[in-house]
Amino acid sequence: MSHFERILDTDVFQVEEEECVREALRLSRRGTGDFADHLIGQLNLARGCRYTVTFDRSLRSDSTFFLL
């Protein structure tokens, strides 16, 4: 269990957009993109965006992102 997950699982902290944070953690473990990229992508999806534009070539196969 990561430090982020431990924080999310405690009652001491309240994290906004917890579902997006958890999904970003899960996606970042795949090895494509890092946590910050996936968090931005998940937050954008939650707000109705179809994809997030990125320069990160490691995310080119992820349908959440559009590579420039």
PDB file of N, CA and C in Angstrom:
ATOM      1  N   MET A   1       0.846  -1.173   0.000  1.00  0.00           N
ATOM      2  CA  MET A   1       0.000   0.000   0.000  1.00  0.00           C
ATOM      3  C   MET A   1       0.896   1.242   0.000  1.00  0.00           C
ATOM      4  N   SER A   2       0.587   2.176  -0.872  1.00  0.00           N
ATOM      5  CA  SER A   2       1.405   3.385  -0.978  1.00  0.00           C
ATOM      6  C   SER A   2       1.054   4.384   0.130  1.00  0.00           C
ATOM      7  N   HIS A   3       1.901   5.369   0.280  1.00  0.00           N
ATOM      8  CA  HIS A   3       1.653   6.432   1.267  1.00  0.00           C
ATOM      9  C   HIS A   3       0.372   7.184   0.917  1.00  0.00           C
ATOM     10  N   PHE A   4       0.154   7.414  -0.374  1.00  0.00           N
ATOM     11  CA  PHE A   4      -1.073   8.098  -0.801  1.00  0.00           C
ATOM     12  C   PHE A   4      -2.312   7.310  -0.362  1.00  0.00           C
ATOM     13  N   GLU A   5      -2.275   6.014  -0.564  1.00  0.00           N
ATOM     14  CA  GLU A   5      -3.425   5.185  -0.197  1.00  0.00           C
ATOM     15  C   GLU A   5      -3.653   5.191   1.308  1.00  0.00           C
ATOM     16  N   ARG A   6      -2.597   5.202   2.068  1.00  0.00           N
ATOM     17  CA  ARG A   6      -2.738   5.267   3.530  1.00  0.00           C
ATOM     18  C   ARG A   6      -3.399   6.571   3.950  1.00  0.00           C
ATOM     19  N   ILE A   7      -3.013   7.653   3.304  1.00  0.00           N
ATOM     20  CA  ILE A   7      -3.643   8.951   3.595  1.00  0.00           C
ATOM     21  C   ILE A   7      -5.120   8.907   3.234  1.00  0.00           C
ATOM     22  N   LEU A   8      -5.427   8.354   2.058  1.00  0.00           N
ATOM     23  CA  LEU A   8      -6.822   8.271   1.623  1.00  0.00           C
ATOM     24  C   LEU A   8      -7.666   7.408   2.553  1.00  0.00           C
ATOM     25  N   ASP A   9      -7.065   6.400   3.163  1.00  0.00           N
ATOM     26  CA  ASP A   9      -7.792   5.464   4.013  1.00  0.00           C
ATOM     27  C   ASP A   9      -7.938   5.921   5.462  1.00  0.00           C
ATOM     28  N   THR A  10      -7.335   7.036   5.822  1.00  0.00           N
ATOM     29  CA  THR A  10      -7.462   7.524   7.203  1.00  0.00           C
ATOM     30  C   THR A  10      -8.646   8.473   7.319  1.00  0.00           C
ATOM     31  N   ASP A  11      -9.118   8.632   8.530  1.00  0.00           N
ATOM     32  CA  ASP A  11     -10.198   9.582   8.795  1.00  0.00           C
ATOM     33  C   ASP A  11      -9.666  10.976   9.107  1.00  0.00           C
ATOM     34  N   VAL A  12      -8.350  11.093   9.214  1.00  0.00           N
ATOM     35  CA  VAL A  12      -7.732  12.357   9.594  1.00  0.00           C
ATOM     36  C   VAL A  12      -7.797  13.372   8.449  1.00  0.00           C
ATOM     37  N   PHE A  13      -7.677  12.878   7.221  1.00  0.00           N
ATOM     38  CA  PHE A  13      -7.640  13.757   6.055  1.00  0.00           C
ATOM     39  C   PHE A  13      -8.906  13.600   5.224  1.00  0.00           C
ATOM     40  N   GLN A  14      -9.316  14.713   4.621  1.00  0.00           N
ATOM     41  CA  GLN A  14     -10.393  14.675   3.648  1.00  0.00           C
ATOM     42  C   GLN A  14      -9.788  15.119   2.322  1.00  0.00           C
ATOM     43  N   VAL A  15      -9.844  14.266   1.323  1.00  0.00           N
ATOM     44  CA  VAL A  15      -9.221  14.534   0.026  1.00  0.00           C
ATOM     45  C   VAL A  15     -10.315  14.821  -0.992  1.00  0.00           C
ATOM     46  N   GLU A  16     -10.196  15.955  -1.664  1.00  0.00           N
ATOM     47  CA  GLU A  16     -11.150  16.273  -2.728  1.00  0.00           C
ATOM     48  C   GLU A  16     -10.946  15.322  -3.901  1.00  0.00           C
ATOM     49  N   GLU A  17     -12.037  15.022  -4.581  1.00  0.00           N
ATOM     50  CA  GLU A  17     -11.982  14.165  -5.778  1.00  0.00           C
ATOM     51  C   GLU A  17     -11.278  12.842  -5.491  1.00  0.00           C
ATOM     52  N   GLU A  18     -11.637  12.222  -4.384  1.00  0.00           N
ATOM     53  CA  GLU A  18     -10.961  10.992  -3.956  1.00  0.00           C
ATOM     54  C   GLU A  18     -11.016   9.896  -5.011  1.00  0.00           C
ATOM     55  N   GLU A  19     -12.135   9.756  -5.688  1.00  0.00           N
ATOM     56  CA  GLU A  19     -12.249   8.724  -6.733  1.00  0.00           C
ATOM     57  C   GLU A  19     -11.217   8.957  -7.835  1.00  0.00           C
ATOM     58  N   CYS A  20     -11.036  10.210  -8.231  1.00  0.00           N
ATOM     59  CA  CYS A  20     -10.054  10.543  -9.269  1.00  0.00           C
ATOM     60  C   CYS A  20      -8.636  10.255  -8.790  1.00  0.00           C
ATOM     61  N   VAL A  21      -8.361  10.562  -7.536  1.00  0.00           N
ATOM     62  CA  VAL A  21      -7.034  10.311  -6.972  1.00  0.00           C
ATOM     63  C   VAL A  21      -6.749   8.810  -6.951  1.00  0.00           C
ATOM     64  N   ARG A  22      -7.711   8.024  -6.506  1.00  0.00           N
ATOM     65  CA  ARG A  22      -7.518   6.567  -6.459  1.00  0.00           C
ATOM     66  C   ARG A  22      -7.302   5.989  -7.859  1.00  0.00           C
ATOM     67  N   GLU A  23      -8.081   6.468  -8.829  1.00  0.00           N
ATOM     68  CA  GLU A  23      -7.926   5.965 -10.196  1.00  0.00           C
ATOM     69  C   GLU A  23      -6.574   6.390 -10.775  1.00  0.00           C
ATOM     70  N   ALA A  24      -6.138   7.597 -10.490  1.00  0.00           N
ATOM     71  CA  ALA A  24      -4.832   8.063 -10.964  1.00  0.00           C
ATOM     72  C   ALA A  24      -3.710   7.218 -10.368  1.00  0.00           C
ATOM     73  N   LEU A  25      -3.829   6.842  -9.105  1.00  0.00           N
ATOM     74  CA  LEU A  25      -2.843   5.956  -8.486  1.00  0.00           C
ATOM     75  C   LEU A  25      -2.805   4.613  -9.199  1.00  0.00           C
ATOM     76  N   ARG A  26      -3.986   4.063  -9.465  1.00  0.00           N
ATOM     77  CA  ARG A  26      -4.067   2.766 -10.138  1.00  0.00           C
ATOM     78  C   ARG A  26      -3.446   2.843 -11.535  1.00  0.00           C
ATOM     79  N   LEU A  27      -3.783   3.882 -12.279  1.00  0.00           N
ATOM     80  CA  LEU A  27      -3.274   4.030 -13.643  1.00  0.00           C
ATOM     81  C   LEU A  27      -1.764   4.274 -13.667  1.00  0.00           C
ATOM     82  N   SER A  28      -1.256   5.014 -12.714  1.00  0.00           N
ATOM     83  CA  SER A  28       0.183   5.316 -12.703  1.00  0.00           C
ATOM     84  C   SER A  28       1.022   4.079 -12.404  1.00  0.00           C
ATOM     85  N   ARG A  29       0.425   3.086 -11.799  1.00  0.00           N
ATOM     86  CA  ARG A  29       1.137   1.836 -11.530  1.00  0.00           C
ATOM     87  C   ARG A  29       1.360   1.016 -12.799  1.00  0.00           C
ATOM     88  N   ARG A  30       0.616   1.318 -13.863  1.00  0.00           N
ATOM     89  CA  ARG A  30       0.775   0.583 -15.121  1.00  0.00           C
ATOM     90  C   ARG A  30       2.124   0.848 -15.765  1.00  0.00           C
ATOM     91  N   GLY A  31       2.744   1.974 -15.409  1.00  0.00           N
ATOM     92  CA  GLY A  31       4.048   2.296 -15.968  1.00  0.00           C
ATOM     93  C   GLY A  31       4.002   3.301 -17.105  1.00  0.00           C
ATOM     94  N   THR A  32       2.797   3.671 -17.544  1.00  0.00           N
ATOM     95  CA  THR A  32       2.690   4.702 -18.586  1.00  0.00           C
ATOM     96  C   THR A  32       2.231   5.997 -17.932  1.00  0.00           C
ATOM     97  N   GLY A  33       3.053   7.005 -18.030  1.00  0.00           N
ATOM     98  CA  GLY A  33       2.713   8.279 -17.399  1.00  0.00           C
ATOM     99  C   GLY A  33       2.925   8.216 -15.901  1.00  0.00           C
ATOM    100  N   ASP A  34       2.935   9.381 -15.293  1.00  0.00           N
ATOM    101  CA  ASP A  34       3.115   9.405 -13.845  1.00  0.00           C
ATOM    102  C   ASP A  34       1.809   9.805 -13.163  1.00  0.00           C
ATOM    103  N   PHE A  35       1.837   9.823 -11.853  1.00  0.00           N
ATOM    104  CA  PHE A  35       0.632  10.105 -11.077  1.00  0.00           C
ATOM    105  C   PHE A  35       0.031  11.449 -11.449  1.00  0.00           C
ATOM    106  N   ALA A  36       0.850  12.488 -11.557  1.00  0.00           N
ATOM    107  CA  ALA A  36       0.334  13.829 -11.853  1.00  0.00           C
ATOM    108  C   ALA A  36      -0.396  13.854 -13.193  1.00  0.00           C
ATOM    109  N   ASP A  37       0.176  13.216 -14.218  1.00  0.00           N
ATOM    110  CA  ASP A  37      -0.485  13.159 -15.528  1.00  0.00           C
ATOM    111  C   ASP A  37      -1.853  12.500 -15.411  1.00  0.00           C
ATOM    112  N   HIS A  38      -1.890  11.367 -14.744  1.00  0.00           N
ATOM    113  CA  HIS A  38      -3.150  10.640 -14.633  1.00  0.00           C
ATOM    114  C   HIS A  38      -4.159  11.371 -13.755  1.00  0.00           C
ATOM    115  N   LEU A  39      -3.707  12.065 -12.743  1.00  0.00           N
ATOM    116  CA  LEU A  39      -4.631  12.835 -11.919  1.00  0.00           C
ATOM    117  C   LEU A  39      -5.262  13.952 -12.742  1.00  0.00           C
ATOM    118  N   ILE A  40      -4.466  14.671 -13.497  1.00  0.00           N
ATOM    119  CA  ILE A  40      -5.003  15.725 -14.367  1.00  0.00           C
ATOM    120  C   ILE A  40      -5.994  15.129 -15.361  1.00  0.00           C
ATOM    121  N   GLY A  41      -5.637  14.001 -15.963  1.00  0.00           N
ATOM    122  CA  GLY A  41      -6.534  13.342 -16.907  1.00  0.00           C
ATOM    123  C   GLY A  41      -7.845  12.930 -16.263  1.00  0.00           C
ATOM    124  N   GLN A  42      -7.794  12.349 -15.073  1.00  0.00           N
ATOM    125  CA  GLN A  42      -9.002  11.908 -14.386  1.00  0.00           C
ATOM    126  C   GLN A  42      -9.879  13.080 -13.950  1.00  0.00           C
ATOM    127  N   LEU A  43      -9.251  14.154 -13.488  1.00  0.00           N
ATOM    128  CA  LEU A  43     -10.020  15.343 -13.114  1.00  0.00           C
ATOM    129  C   LEU A  43     -10.717  15.944 -14.337  1.00  0.00           C
ATOM    130  N   ASN A  44     -10.019  15.967 -15.459  1.00  0.00           N
ATOM    131  CA  ASN A  44     -10.623  16.486 -16.687  1.00  0.00           C
ATOM    132  C   ASN A  44     -11.783  15.613 -17.144  1.00  0.00           C
ATOM    133  N   LEU A  45     -11.628  14.286 -17.079  1.00  0.00           N
ATOM    134  CA  LEU A  45     -12.729  13.384 -17.434  1.00  0.00           C
ATOM    135  C   LEU A  45     -13.938  13.609 -16.534  1.00  0.00           C
ATOM    136  N   ALA A  46     -13.698  13.790 -15.257  1.00  0.00           N
ATOM    137  CA  ALA A  46     -14.789  14.006 -14.302  1.00  0.00           C
ATOM    138  C   ALA A  46     -15.549  15.294 -14.587  1.00  0.00           C
ATOM    139  N   ARG A  47     -14.895  16.217 -15.257  1.00  0.00           N
ATOM    140  CA  ARG A  47     -15.524  17.498 -15.597  1.00  0.00           C
ATOM    141  C   ARG A  47     -16.083  17.516 -17.019  1.00  0.00           C
ATOM    142  N   GLY A  48     -16.067  16.355 -17.672  1.00  0.00           N
ATOM    143  CA  GLY A  48     -16.702  16.242 -18.968  1.00  0.00           C
ATOM    144  C   GLY A  48     -15.798  16.345 -20.181  1.00  0.00           C
ATOM    145  N   CYS A  49     -14.495  16.470 -19.988  1.00  0.00           N
ATOM    146  CA  CYS A  49     -13.573  16.517 -21.126  1.00  0.00           C
ATOM    147  C   CYS A  49     -13.428  15.114 -21.723  1.00  0.00           C
ATOM    148  N   ARG A  50     -13.302  15.041 -23.031  1.00  0.00           N
ATOM    149  CA  ARG A  50     -13.121  13.738 -23.685  1.00  0.00           C
ATOM    150  C   ARG A  50     -11.696  13.242 -23.561  1.00  0.00           C
ATOM    151  N   TYR A  51     -10.732  14.149 -23.513  1.00  0.00           N
ATOM    152  CA  TYR A  51      -9.330  13.782 -23.382  1.00  0.00           C
ATOM    153  C   TYR A  51      -8.541  14.990 -22.886  1.00  0.00           C
ATOM    154  N   THR A  52      -7.292  14.733 -22.504  1.00  0.00           N
ATOM    155  CA  THR A  52      -6.359  15.765 -22.057  1.00  0.00           C
ATOM    156  C   THR A  52      -5.186  15.783 -23.025  1.00  0.00           C
ATOM    157  N   VAL A  53      -4.808  16.964 -23.466  1.00  0.00           N
ATOM    158  CA  VAL A  53      -3.689  17.109 -24.402  1.00  0.00           C
ATOM    159  C   VAL A  53      -2.380  16.991 -23.622  1.00  0.00           C
ATOM    160  N   THR A  54      -1.424  16.260 -24.196  1.00  0.00           N
ATOM    161  CA  THR A  54      -0.145  16.037 -23.522  1.00  0.00           C
ATOM    162  C   THR A  54       1.000  15.978 -24.534  1.00  0.00           C
ATOM    163  N   PHE A  55       2.190  16.215 -24.042  1.00  0.00           N
ATOM    164  CA  PHE A  55       3.411  16.034 -24.830  1.00  0.00           C
ATOM    165  C   PHE A  55       4.095  14.709 -24.468  1.00  0.00           C
ATOM    166  N   ASP A  56       3.594  14.032 -23.445  1.00  0.00           N
ATOM    167  CA  ASP A  56       4.214  12.818 -22.924  1.00  0.00           C
ATOM    168  C   ASP A  56       3.930  11.637 -23.854  1.00  0.00           C
ATOM    169  N   ARG A  57       4.943  11.199 -24.567  1.00  0.00           N
ATOM    170  CA  ARG A  57       4.783  10.112 -25.540  1.00  0.00           C
ATOM    171  C   ARG A  57       4.398   8.789 -24.906  1.00  0.00           C
ATOM    172  N   SER A  58       4.691   8.619 -23.630  1.00  0.00           N
ATOM    173  CA  SER A  58       4.343   7.352 -22.973  1.00  0.00           C
ATOM    174  C   SER A  58       2.829   7.193 -22.826  1.00  0.00           C
ATOM    175  N   LEU A  59       2.081   8.282 -23.018  1.00  0.00           N
ATOM    176  CA  LEU A  59       0.626   8.235 -22.869  1.00  0.00           C
ATOM    177  C   LEU A  59      -0.109   8.136 -24.206  1.00  0.00           C
ATOM    178  N   ARG A  60       0.626   7.967 -25.300  1.00  0.00           N
ATOM    179  CA  ARG A  60      -0.008   7.978 -26.631  1.00  0.00           C
ATOM    180  C   ARG A  60      -1.036   6.871 -26.827  1.00  0.00           C
ATOM    181  N   SER A  61      -0.913   5.755 -26.134  1.00  0.00           N
ATOM    182  CA  SER A  61      -1.875   4.671 -26.303  1.00  0.00           C
ATOM    183  C   SER A  61      -3.055   4.757 -25.323  1.00  0.00           C
ATOM    184  N   ASP A  62      -3.050   5.760 -24.456  1.00  0.00           N
ATOM    185  CA  ASP A  62      -4.117   5.944 -23.475  1.00  0.00           C
ATOM    186  C   ASP A  62      -5.196   6.842 -24.072  1.00  0.00           C
ATOM    187  N   SER A  63      -6.414   6.354 -24.180  1.00  0.00           N
ATOM    188  CA  SER A  63      -7.490   7.115 -24.822  1.00  0.00           C
ATOM    189  C   SER A  63      -7.917   8.346 -24.034  1.00  0.00           C
ATOM    190  N   THR A  64      -7.457   8.479 -22.801  1.00  0.00           N
ATOM    191  CA  THR A  64      -7.739   9.660 -21.984  1.00  0.00           C
ATOM    192  C   THR A  64      -6.928  10.856 -22.448  1.00  0.00           C
ATOM    193  N   PHE A  65      -5.833  10.588 -23.192  1.00  0.00           N
ATOM    194  CA  PHE A  65      -4.907  11.635 -23.601  1.00  0.00           C
ATOM    195  C   PHE A  65      -4.824  11.759 -25.118  1.00  0.00           C
ATOM    196  N   PHE A  66      -4.521  12.973 -25.558  1.00  0.00           N
ATOM    197  CA  PHE A  66      -4.263  13.247 -26.970  1.00  0.00           C
ATOM    198  C   PHE A  66      -2.836  13.784 -27.073  1.00  0.00           C
ATOM    199  N   LEU A  67      -1.995  13.099 -27.818  1.00  0.00           N
ATOM    200  CA  LEU A  67      -0.593  13.476 -27.941  1.00  0.00           C
ATOM    201  C   LEU A  67      -0.416  14.566 -28.977  1.00  0.00           C
ATOM    202  N   LEU A  68       0.263  15.645 -28.604  1.00  0.00           N
ATOM    203  CA  LEU A  68       0.607  16.707 -29.555  1.00  0.00           C
ATOM    204  C   LEU A  68       1.914  16.394 -30.234  1.00  0.00           C
TER     205      LEU A  68
END
